[in-house]
Amino acid sequence: MARGVLLNARSIVNKVHELQGLLDVLCPSFMLITESWLRESIPISFFVDTNRYQVIRRDQCDTVGGGVCALVDKQYTVLQVDVVEDVEQQHVFKWQIY
């Protein structure tokens, strides 16, 4: 059975050890992270074991804060189903995980 975690991180860059601890203890099938505060210059391997998790992220490039990230165990297949732009110029991504 899939187990998930939702985390409002307010920056995972300065909480990498705590994030890794949560992943090690809880062993979630997926983790959804809001307020990741990631930037393009930060590689995925900096904050997660890429042998275990697939990472889908949408960084907020033009302001401080924001950004979302999903970590999905590699035993699952993740497909992008649809991309829609809403009226506030934010992107909505729909994903199917199975």
N, C-alpha and C. Protein backbone atom coordinates (compact mmCIF):
# COMPACT_ATOMS: atom_id res chain seq x y z
N MET A 1 0.83 -1.17 0.00
CA MET A 1 0.00 0.00 0.00
C MET A 1 0.89 1.24 0.00
N ALA A 2 0.51 2.23 -0.79
CA ALA A 2 1.28 3.48 -0.88
C ALA A 2 1.06 4.32 0.38
N ARG A 3 2.17 4.91 0.86
CA ARG A 3 2.11 5.82 2.01
C ARG A 3 2.66 7.15 1.56
N GLY A 4 1.98 8.22 1.91
CA GLY A 4 2.41 9.53 1.47
C GLY A 4 2.61 10.51 2.62
N VAL A 5 3.39 11.53 2.33
CA VAL A 5 3.67 12.59 3.30
C VAL A 5 3.50 13.93 2.58
N LEU A 6 2.87 14.89 3.23
CA LEU A 6 2.77 16.25 2.75
C LEU A 6 3.59 17.13 3.69
N LEU A 7 4.50 17.90 3.12
CA LEU A 7 5.41 18.71 3.94
C LEU A 7 5.46 20.13 3.42
N ASN A 8 5.20 21.11 4.27
CA ASN A 8 5.41 22.51 3.95
C ASN A 8 6.78 22.87 4.51
N ALA A 9 7.79 22.91 3.66
CA ALA A 9 9.17 22.94 4.12
C ALA A 9 9.70 24.33 4.46
N ARG A 10 9.22 25.37 3.81
CA ARG A 10 9.81 26.71 3.94
C ARG A 10 11.33 26.61 3.77
N SER A 11 11.73 25.97 2.71
CA SER A 11 13.11 25.76 2.26
C SER A 11 13.64 24.40 2.71
N ILE A 12 13.85 23.54 1.74
CA ILE A 12 14.48 22.26 2.08
C ILE A 12 16.00 22.34 1.99
N VAL A 13 16.50 23.43 1.42
CA VAL A 13 17.95 23.58 1.27
C VAL A 13 18.64 23.58 2.63
N ASN A 14 18.08 24.26 3.61
CA ASN A 14 18.69 24.30 4.94
C ASN A 14 18.14 23.23 5.87
N LYS A 15 17.38 22.28 5.32
CA LYS A 15 16.81 21.20 6.13
C LYS A 15 17.05 19.83 5.49
N VAL A 16 18.13 19.70 4.76
CA VAL A 16 18.41 18.46 4.03
C VAL A 16 18.52 17.27 4.98
N HIS A 17 19.20 17.41 6.11
CA HIS A 17 19.36 16.30 7.04
C HIS A 17 18.02 15.88 7.64
N GLU A 18 17.17 16.86 7.96
CA GLU A 18 15.85 16.56 8.49
C GLU A 18 15.00 15.85 7.44
N LEU A 19 15.07 16.31 6.19
CA LEU A 19 14.33 15.67 5.11
C LEU A 19 14.78 14.23 4.92
N GLN A 20 16.08 14.01 4.89
CA GLN A 20 16.60 12.66 4.74
C GLN A 20 16.20 11.77 5.91
N GLY A 21 16.16 12.35 7.11
CA GLY A 21 15.71 11.60 8.29
C GLY A 21 14.26 11.18 8.17
N LEU A 22 13.40 12.10 7.71
CA LEU A 22 11.99 11.75 7.50
C LEU A 22 11.83 10.63 6.48
N LEU A 23 12.58 10.72 5.40
CA LEU A 23 12.50 9.68 4.36
C LEU A 23 12.98 8.34 4.89
N ASP A 24 14.03 8.35 5.69
CA ASP A 24 14.56 7.10 6.25
C ASP A 24 13.62 6.47 7.28
N VAL A 25 13.00 7.30 8.12
CA VAL A 25 12.14 6.78 9.19
C VAL A 25 10.76 6.40 8.67
N LEU A 26 10.16 7.27 7.87
CA LEU A 26 8.78 7.04 7.41
C LEU A 26 8.69 6.15 6.17
N CYS A 27 9.75 6.11 5.37
CA CYS A 27 9.78 5.31 4.13
C CYS A 27 8.53 5.53 3.28
N PRO A 28 8.20 6.78 2.96
CA PRO A 28 6.99 7.02 2.18
C PRO A 28 7.13 6.58 0.74
N SER A 29 6.01 6.22 0.13
CA SER A 29 5.98 5.92 -1.29
C SER A 29 6.10 7.21 -2.09
N PHE A 30 5.58 8.29 -1.50
CA PHE A 30 5.71 9.60 -2.13
C PHE A 30 5.70 10.68 -1.05
N MET A 31 6.32 11.79 -1.37
CA MET A 31 6.32 12.96 -0.49
C MET A 31 6.05 14.18 -1.36
N LEU A 32 5.05 14.95 -0.97
CA LEU A 32 4.72 16.20 -1.66
C LEU A 32 5.22 17.34 -0.80
N ILE A 33 6.04 18.21 -1.39
CA ILE A 33 6.67 19.29 -0.63
C ILE A 33 6.24 20.63 -1.21
N THR A 34 5.65 21.47 -0.36
CA THR A 34 5.32 22.83 -0.76
C THR A 34 6.36 23.76 -0.16
N GLU A 35 6.46 24.96 -0.74
CA GLU A 35 7.45 25.94 -0.28
C GLU A 35 8.86 25.33 -0.23
N SER A 36 9.24 24.67 -1.33
CA SER A 36 10.55 24.02 -1.38
C SER A 36 11.69 25.04 -1.44
N TRP A 37 11.44 26.19 -2.02
CA TRP A 37 12.41 27.27 -2.18
C TRP A 37 13.63 26.83 -2.99
N LEU A 38 13.46 25.84 -3.85
CA LEU A 38 14.57 25.37 -4.68
C LEU A 38 14.79 26.30 -5.86
N ARG A 39 16.00 26.28 -6.37
CA ARG A 39 16.39 27.03 -7.56
C ARG A 39 16.98 26.05 -8.56
N GLU A 40 17.00 26.42 -9.82
CA GLU A 40 17.56 25.55 -10.87
C GLU A 40 18.97 25.10 -10.57
N SER A 41 19.73 25.93 -9.88
CA SER A 41 21.15 25.64 -9.60
C SER A 41 21.35 24.55 -8.55
N ILE A 42 20.28 24.14 -7.88
CA ILE A 42 20.37 23.12 -6.83
C ILE A 42 20.03 21.76 -7.44
N PRO A 43 21.01 20.85 -7.53
CA PRO A 43 20.73 19.55 -8.14
C PRO A 43 19.86 18.68 -7.24
N ILE A 44 19.12 17.80 -7.86
CA ILE A 44 18.25 16.88 -7.13
C ILE A 44 19.05 16.04 -6.14
N SER A 45 20.24 15.63 -6.55
CA SER A 45 21.07 14.76 -5.69
C SER A 45 21.51 15.45 -4.40
N PHE A 46 21.35 16.76 -4.31
CA PHE A 46 21.71 17.50 -3.09
C PHE A 46 20.77 17.16 -1.94
N PHE A 47 19.50 16.86 -2.25
CA PHE A 47 18.53 16.69 -1.17
C PHE A 47 17.81 15.34 -1.14
N VAL A 48 18.06 14.46 -2.12
CA VAL A 48 17.35 13.18 -2.11
C VAL A 48 18.20 12.10 -2.78
N ASP A 49 17.97 10.86 -2.36
CA ASP A 49 18.65 9.71 -2.97
C ASP A 49 17.99 9.43 -4.31
N THR A 50 18.68 9.75 -5.40
CA THR A 50 18.11 9.59 -6.74
C THR A 50 18.04 8.13 -7.17
N ASN A 51 18.65 7.23 -6.42
CA ASN A 51 18.50 5.81 -6.70
C ASN A 51 17.16 5.28 -6.20
N ARG A 52 16.57 5.98 -5.25
CA ARG A 52 15.32 5.54 -4.65
C ARG A 52 14.10 6.31 -5.13
N TYR A 53 14.26 7.63 -5.33
CA TYR A 53 13.12 8.48 -5.65
C TYR A 53 13.26 9.18 -6.99
N GLN A 54 12.13 9.27 -7.70
CA GLN A 54 12.00 10.15 -8.86
C GLN A 54 11.60 11.51 -8.29
N VAL A 55 12.06 12.58 -8.89
CA VAL A 55 11.74 13.91 -8.38
C VAL A 55 11.09 14.73 -9.49
N ILE A 56 9.95 15.30 -9.15
CA ILE A 56 9.25 16.23 -10.03
C ILE A 56 9.24 17.55 -9.28
N ARG A 57 9.77 18.58 -9.90
CA ARG A 57 9.81 19.86 -9.18
C ARG A 57 9.47 21.02 -10.10
N ARG A 58 8.88 22.02 -9.50
CA ARG A 58 8.58 23.27 -10.17
C ARG A 58 9.09 24.38 -9.26
N ASP A 59 10.24 24.89 -9.62
CA ASP A 59 10.87 25.93 -8.82
C ASP A 59 10.24 27.29 -9.13
N GLN A 60 10.19 28.13 -8.12
CA GLN A 60 9.73 29.51 -8.28
C GLN A 60 10.97 30.33 -8.57
N CYS A 61 11.14 30.77 -9.80
CA CYS A 61 12.40 31.38 -10.22
C CYS A 61 12.48 32.88 -10.01
N ASP A 62 11.35 33.57 -9.96
CA ASP A 62 11.39 35.03 -9.95
C ASP A 62 11.17 35.67 -8.58
N THR A 63 10.98 34.88 -7.54
CA THR A 63 10.79 35.43 -6.20
C THR A 63 11.45 34.53 -5.16
N VAL A 64 11.59 35.06 -3.97
CA VAL A 64 12.08 34.24 -2.86
C VAL A 64 10.90 33.41 -2.35
N GLY A 65 11.16 32.16 -2.05
CA GLY A 65 10.09 31.28 -1.57
C GLY A 65 9.40 30.57 -2.71
N GLY A 66 8.31 29.91 -2.38
CA GLY A 66 7.52 29.21 -3.38
C GLY A 66 8.15 27.90 -3.82
N GLY A 67 7.61 27.36 -4.86
CA GLY A 67 8.10 26.11 -5.42
C GLY A 67 7.45 24.90 -4.79
N VAL A 68 7.28 23.87 -5.62
CA VAL A 68 6.75 22.60 -5.15
C VAL A 68 7.63 21.48 -5.67
N CYS A 69 7.56 20.36 -4.99
CA CYS A 69 8.41 19.24 -5.33
C CYS A 69 7.69 17.96 -4.92
N ALA A 70 7.79 16.94 -5.75
CA ALA A 70 7.22 15.63 -5.40
C ALA A 70 8.32 14.59 -5.51
N LEU A 71 8.44 13.78 -4.49
CA LEU A 71 9.38 12.66 -4.50
C LEU A 71 8.52 11.40 -4.61
N VAL A 72 8.79 10.57 -5.60
CA VAL A 72 7.98 9.37 -5.82
C VAL A 72 8.92 8.18 -5.91
N ASP A 73 8.63 7.17 -5.10
CA ASP A 73 9.43 5.95 -5.12
C ASP A 73 9.52 5.41 -6.54
N LYS A 74 10.69 4.97 -6.92
CA LYS A 74 10.92 4.50 -8.29
C LYS A 74 10.15 3.24 -8.65
N GLN A 75 9.51 2.59 -7.68
CA GLN A 75 8.69 1.42 -8.01
C GLN A 75 7.39 1.82 -8.71
N TYR A 76 7.07 3.13 -8.67
CA TYR A 76 5.86 3.63 -9.31
C TYR A 76 6.22 4.32 -10.63
N THR A 77 5.28 4.28 -11.55
CA THR A 77 5.43 4.99 -12.82
C THR A 77 4.70 6.32 -12.70
N VAL A 78 5.34 7.39 -13.14
CA VAL A 78 4.76 8.72 -13.08
C VAL A 78 4.65 9.25 -14.51
N LEU A 79 3.46 9.66 -14.88
CA LEU A 79 3.23 10.22 -16.20
C LEU A 79 2.61 11.61 -16.07
N GLN A 80 3.11 12.56 -16.86
CA GLN A 80 2.47 13.86 -16.90
C GLN A 80 1.26 13.74 -17.81
N VAL A 81 0.09 14.09 -17.28
CA VAL A 81 -1.15 13.91 -18.01
C VAL A 81 -1.55 15.18 -18.74
N ASP A 82 -1.43 16.34 -18.09
CA ASP A 82 -1.94 17.57 -18.65
C ASP A 82 -1.23 18.76 -18.02
N VAL A 83 -1.07 19.81 -18.78
CA VAL A 83 -0.51 21.05 -18.24
C VAL A 83 -1.47 22.17 -18.62
N VAL A 84 -1.89 22.94 -17.62
CA VAL A 84 -2.83 24.02 -17.85
C VAL A 84 -2.27 25.28 -17.19
N GLU A 85 -2.38 26.41 -17.88
CA GLU A 85 -1.96 27.67 -17.26
C GLU A 85 -3.21 28.38 -16.76
N ASP A 86 -3.20 28.79 -15.49
CA ASP A 86 -4.39 29.45 -14.96
C ASP A 86 -4.27 30.97 -15.08
N VAL A 87 -5.28 31.67 -14.64
CA VAL A 87 -5.35 33.12 -14.84
C VAL A 87 -4.30 33.88 -14.05
N GLU A 88 -3.74 33.31 -13.01
CA GLU A 88 -2.73 33.98 -12.21
C GLU A 88 -1.32 33.69 -12.70
N GLN A 89 -1.20 33.12 -13.88
CA GLN A 89 0.08 32.78 -14.48
C GLN A 89 0.85 31.72 -13.69
N GLN A 90 0.15 30.97 -12.89
CA GLN A 90 0.75 29.84 -12.21
C GLN A 90 0.45 28.61 -13.03
N HIS A 91 1.32 27.66 -13.04
CA HIS A 91 1.10 26.46 -13.82
C HIS A 91 0.51 25.36 -12.95
N VAL A 92 -0.46 24.67 -13.49
CA VAL A 92 -1.08 23.55 -12.81
C VAL A 92 -0.65 22.29 -13.55
N PHE A 93 -0.02 21.39 -12.84
CA PHE A 93 0.45 20.15 -13.44
C PHE A 93 -0.36 19.00 -12.88
N LYS A 94 -0.87 18.17 -13.75
CA LYS A 94 -1.62 16.99 -13.33
C LYS A 94 -0.75 15.78 -13.60
N TRP A 95 -0.62 14.94 -12.60
CA TRP A 95 0.22 13.76 -12.73
C TRP A 95 -0.58 12.53 -12.39
N GLN A 96 -0.26 11.44 -13.02
CA GLN A 96 -0.87 10.16 -12.69
C GLN A 96 0.25 9.24 -12.21
N ILE A 97 0.05 8.69 -11.05
CA ILE A 97 1.05 7.79 -10.46
C ILE A 97 0.41 6.42 -10.30
N TYR A 98 1.06 5.41 -10.82
CA TYR A 98 0.54 4.05 -10.66
C TYR A 98 1.68 3.06 -10.59
